Amino acid sequence: MTFKRSYFFWFAAALAVALTLAAWWQRGLPVEMVQVTQGPMVQSVVTNGRIASVARTVIMSQSTARIERVLVREGDTVQADQVLVQLRDDEASANLKAAQAAVAEAQASQRQLAAVQLPVAEQQLAQASAAAMLAEQELTRTQELLQQGFVSPARLDEVQRQVQSARAAVLAASAQVRGNQSGGAEAAVAQARLAQAMANAAAAETRLDNLRLRAPAAATVIQRAVDPGDTAQPGKVLLTLVSGAETRIETSVDEKNLQFIRLGQRARASADAYPDQPFDATLTTIAPAVDALRGTVDLKLRVDPAPAFLRPDMTVSVEIITAQVANALMLSTDALRRDAKGQTYVLVARDGRAQRTEVTLGLQGVGTTQIVSGVAAGEQVILPTTSAVEGERVRARNVDKPRGNAPMVPGLTQ
């Protein structure tokens, strides 16, 4: 009787273990899974860049001179033609005054030519003409008197010489008048002297103005490298300015992403200093060549309008939106597998077993991939982090929450 009871006890224990093992086997291998979701899908390329200004200007002197005043500081906003740096100009100012005096002298000479010399020359011409007329009349009378025998031939010769002298005086006076008139030689010389004096004055004024360094356009001072008392030299940068006409982002992407990049694509950007204040940008420039050393392609994006907190050379993160689908099946990229032939597949938990399913991929998002075919929304996909194989019974250890994607960008299509 005791033997039967012991036999029954061991049989019951073995049966309980068998049932427990069977129940455990029926539950399957615990695995980690992710769920296939459906919704808006955005494909993007993520990179880092810096804020750059289209117009970056450096202020330098064209000559060596001591700096008298620096009228701006870093961060100041300046207007076009505003004086920024004043160099020592006493010698240049003296040269300008001398040149301006030469101009005044040349102008006075020109006025004297018109007001004094020309009238005097005209008066001399009138006197010479009158004297010549009298000499001609005297010659006529002398010739008549010679015929009548009242004068000697010597007298006629003397009168003829007087006539020739009077005619020469008329020619000389006429030449003097023509020279003093507008377009004449004397007037031309006076005009040339005036033009030369005015050119010298303009050059002196330019040299003086070059000692007042001005802003070429409305801009912001981002760097000041000098103080009063320093010496400015050609080629030495005194100030650095950036204009606010346009703000852009300069960045680069790996050349393997070049197939996704197109001009005009929208982008989301955020400054590292202000990560909670994203802003929009537009891709405007793609470099025509690849950087052979880095294997990257340089890009430029326009920021319009630019947030007030952006500053030149600020580091920003950029997500360029390359394509989007309004209603796409999405799966965590970590759940994808590849076989020896390069075929992409996943292990789907169906009826409690791991089932291999080949999938066709679409857009590539950040950590998320579009599944064109092979699985359905809501199905659970086994992550490769577990040791489950095809056909094995599996159960969910946990199911990751469905992963979403970036919100759709208005006006952008695949």
Foldseek 3Di string as FASTA:
>chain_A
DVVVVVVVVVVVVVVVVVVVVVVVQQQFAAFAWAFKAKFKAFFWDKFKWFKAFPDKDFFAFPAKFAWAFADDDAFDWDFAFAFGTATDCPVLVVQLVVLVVLLVVLVVVLVCLVPPQLVVLVVQLVVLVVQLVVLVVVLVVVVVCVVVVNDDVVVNVVSVVSNVVSVVSNVVSVLSNQQSDVVHVVNVVSVVSNVVSVVSSVVSVVVSVSSRTTHNGTWGWRDADDGGRDIGHPPDGGTMTGHPPWMKIKTKDALVCVVLDDFFFKKWKDFPVGRPDIAIWGWHDWDPDADPVVNIIMTMITGPPDDPPGDGGTMMMMITGRAMDGIFTKDFPQQWDADPVRFIWFFWQDPQFTAIWTWDWDHDHDRMTTTPDTDDGGTITGGPVDDHDGGTGYHYPDYDDHDDGDDDDPPGHD
